[in-house]
Protein backbone atom coordinates (compact mmCIF):
# COMPACT_ATOMS: atom_id res chain seq x y z
CA UNK A 1 104.52 185.38 124.67
CA UNK A 2 101.44 184.07 126.45
CA UNK A 3 102.97 180.63 126.87
CA UNK A 4 105.99 182.00 128.75
CA UNK A 5 103.80 183.68 131.34
CA UNK A 6 101.99 180.45 132.22
CA UNK A 7 105.21 178.45 132.65
CA UNK A 8 107.04 181.09 134.64
CA UNK A 9 107.01 179.31 138.04
CA UNK A 10 107.34 175.74 136.74
CA UNK A 11 111.12 175.56 137.24
CA UNK A 12 110.85 176.90 140.78
CA UNK A 13 108.15 174.38 141.63
CA UNK A 14 110.13 171.48 140.14
CA UNK A 15 113.22 172.52 142.10
CA UNK A 16 111.22 172.80 145.32
CA UNK A 17 110.01 169.22 144.86
CA UNK A 18 113.23 167.56 143.70
CA UNK A 19 115.88 169.25 145.89
CA UNK A 20 114.67 167.69 149.19
CA UNK A 21 114.49 164.25 147.56
CA UNK A 22 118.00 164.57 146.13
CA UNK A 23 119.23 165.82 149.52
CA UNK A 24 117.67 162.84 151.31
CA UNK A 25 119.22 160.36 148.88
CA UNK A 26 122.65 162.00 149.12
CA UNK A 27 122.65 162.14 152.90
CA UNK A 28 121.38 158.55 153.05
CA UNK A 29 124.29 157.39 150.90
CA UNK A 30 126.81 159.17 153.13
CA UNK A 31 125.23 158.02 156.40
CA UNK A 32 124.91 154.37 155.41
CA UNK A 33 128.46 154.47 154.06
CA UNK A 34 129.60 155.76 157.45
CA UNK A 35 127.56 153.04 159.17
CA UNK A 36 129.15 150.36 156.97
CA UNK A 37 132.65 151.70 157.67
CA UNK A 38 131.91 151.68 161.41
CA UNK A 39 130.64 148.11 161.21
CA UNK A 40 133.83 147.05 159.38
CA UNK A 41 136.05 148.61 162.08
CA UNK A 42 134.00 146.97 164.86
CA UNK A 43 134.21 143.58 163.12
CA UNK A 44 137.97 143.85 162.66
CA UNK A 45 138.41 145.00 166.27
CA UNK A 46 136.57 141.86 167.36
CA UNK A 47 138.92 139.75 165.24
CA UNK A 48 141.99 141.45 166.70
CA UNK A 49 140.72 140.80 170.22
CA UNK A 50 140.05 137.15 169.42
CA UNK A 51 143.53 136.73 167.95
CA UNK A 52 145.04 137.95 171.20
CA UNK A 53 142.61 136.01 173.40
CA UNK A 54 143.61 132.63 171.98
CA UNK A 55 147.28 133.15 172.83
CA UNK A 56 148.25 131.55 176.12
CA UNK A 57 149.21 134.08 178.78
CA UNK A 58 147.11 136.99 177.53
CA UNK A 59 144.82 138.62 180.06
CA UNK A 60 141.30 139.94 179.65
CA UNK A 61 142.62 143.48 180.15
CA UNK A 62 145.11 142.95 177.31
CA UNK A 63 142.31 141.78 175.00
CA UNK A 64 140.06 144.72 175.84
CA UNK A 65 142.97 147.13 175.38
CA UNK A 66 143.70 145.64 171.93
CA UNK A 67 140.05 146.00 170.89
CA UNK A 68 139.98 149.63 172.06
CA UNK A 69 143.31 150.32 170.35
CA UNK A 70 141.90 149.04 167.06
CA UNK A 71 138.69 151.06 167.47
CA UNK A 72 140.54 154.30 168.12
CA UNK A 73 142.92 153.55 165.26
CA UNK A 74 139.87 153.25 163.01
CA UNK A 75 138.57 156.65 164.07
CA UNK A 76 135.98 155.42 166.57
CA UNK A 77 135.74 156.07 170.29
CA UNK A 78 136.93 153.46 172.76
CA UNK A 79 134.46 151.34 174.73
CA UNK A 80 134.11 150.55 178.40
CA UNK A 81 134.63 146.97 179.58
CA UNK A 82 130.91 146.12 179.70
CA UNK A 83 130.61 146.48 175.90
CA UNK A 84 133.44 144.05 175.16
CA UNK A 85 132.25 140.58 176.18
CA UNK A 86 134.97 137.94 176.47
CA UNK A 87 134.37 134.19 176.86
CA UNK A 88 137.49 132.00 176.90
CA UNK A 89 135.81 128.64 177.47
CA UNK A 90 133.66 128.02 174.41
CA UNK A 91 133.51 124.27 173.72
CA UNK A 92 134.42 122.88 170.30
CA UNK A 93 134.19 119.23 169.38
CA UNK A 94 136.27 116.95 171.58
CA UNK A 95 138.52 118.54 174.16
CA UNK A 96 139.28 121.72 172.23
CA UNK A 97 138.08 125.06 173.55
CA UNK A 98 137.87 128.46 171.96
CA UNK A 99 137.69 132.12 172.86
CA UNK A 100 134.83 134.33 171.77
CA UNK A 101 134.85 138.12 171.68
CA UNK A 102 131.70 140.16 171.23
CA UNK A 103 131.96 143.91 170.68
CA UNK A 104 128.81 146.03 171.10
CA UNK A 105 129.36 149.48 169.62
CA UNK A 106 126.73 152.25 169.87
CA UNK A 107 126.12 153.99 166.54
CA UNK A 108 124.06 157.08 165.88
CA UNK A 109 123.14 158.71 162.58
CA UNK A 110 124.39 162.30 162.60
CA UNK A 111 122.82 163.97 159.57
CA UNK A 112 120.04 161.63 158.44
CA UNK A 113 117.58 162.53 161.20
CA UNK A 114 117.48 166.32 160.56
CA UNK A 115 117.13 165.78 156.80
CA UNK A 116 114.24 163.36 157.30
CA UNK A 117 112.63 165.91 159.63
CA UNK A 118 112.58 168.41 156.73
CA UNK A 119 110.54 166.01 154.60
CA UNK A 120 108.45 164.21 157.23
CA UNK A 121 108.43 166.07 160.58
CA UNK A 122 106.67 163.29 162.51
CA UNK A 123 108.90 160.42 161.29
CA UNK A 124 111.19 158.78 163.87
CA UNK A 125 113.63 157.19 161.39
CA UNK A 126 117.26 157.77 162.32
CA UNK A 127 116.55 158.68 165.93
CA UNK A 128 118.26 157.00 168.82
CA UNK A 129 121.34 154.85 169.11
CA UNK A 130 121.75 151.56 167.31
CA UNK A 131 124.03 148.87 168.70
CA UNK A 132 126.37 147.30 166.16
CA UNK A 133 127.46 143.86 167.33
CA UNK A 134 130.41 141.88 166.01
CA UNK A 135 131.37 138.48 167.37
CA UNK A 136 134.45 136.36 166.63
CA UNK A 137 135.20 132.82 167.77
CA UNK A 138 138.68 131.28 167.49
CA UNK A 139 140.19 128.05 168.76
CA UNK A 140 142.55 128.37 171.73
CA UNK A 141 146.19 127.45 171.15
């Protein structure tokens, strides 16, 4: 009977220590999974833009529209023209040229920052906007 009285709060203490750690790990897995999915959509949008850019007769507006169409189709917001950099005169060996598309997408962690604040209030991890950059280079036709 005496032993039960001394261990009465042990489970509560263990839960108070482990629950925030498990929460941080779970949220980290979800947030980095979301970041990876965003990066994949941005990379594929860059590829789609490059595929259109190498076709003769396509305009810069067409390329930017295709990139934005792919981004919105992937569940992301569209970008303004300054974040989609297009260069149609990249030199290859010899007389061949290529087109290069660079997409700069702003990404922000949604849940990770408040969870980190619960554990370490002065930590700045997860704050701010990170720029995900994807670049694709293809030979012009």
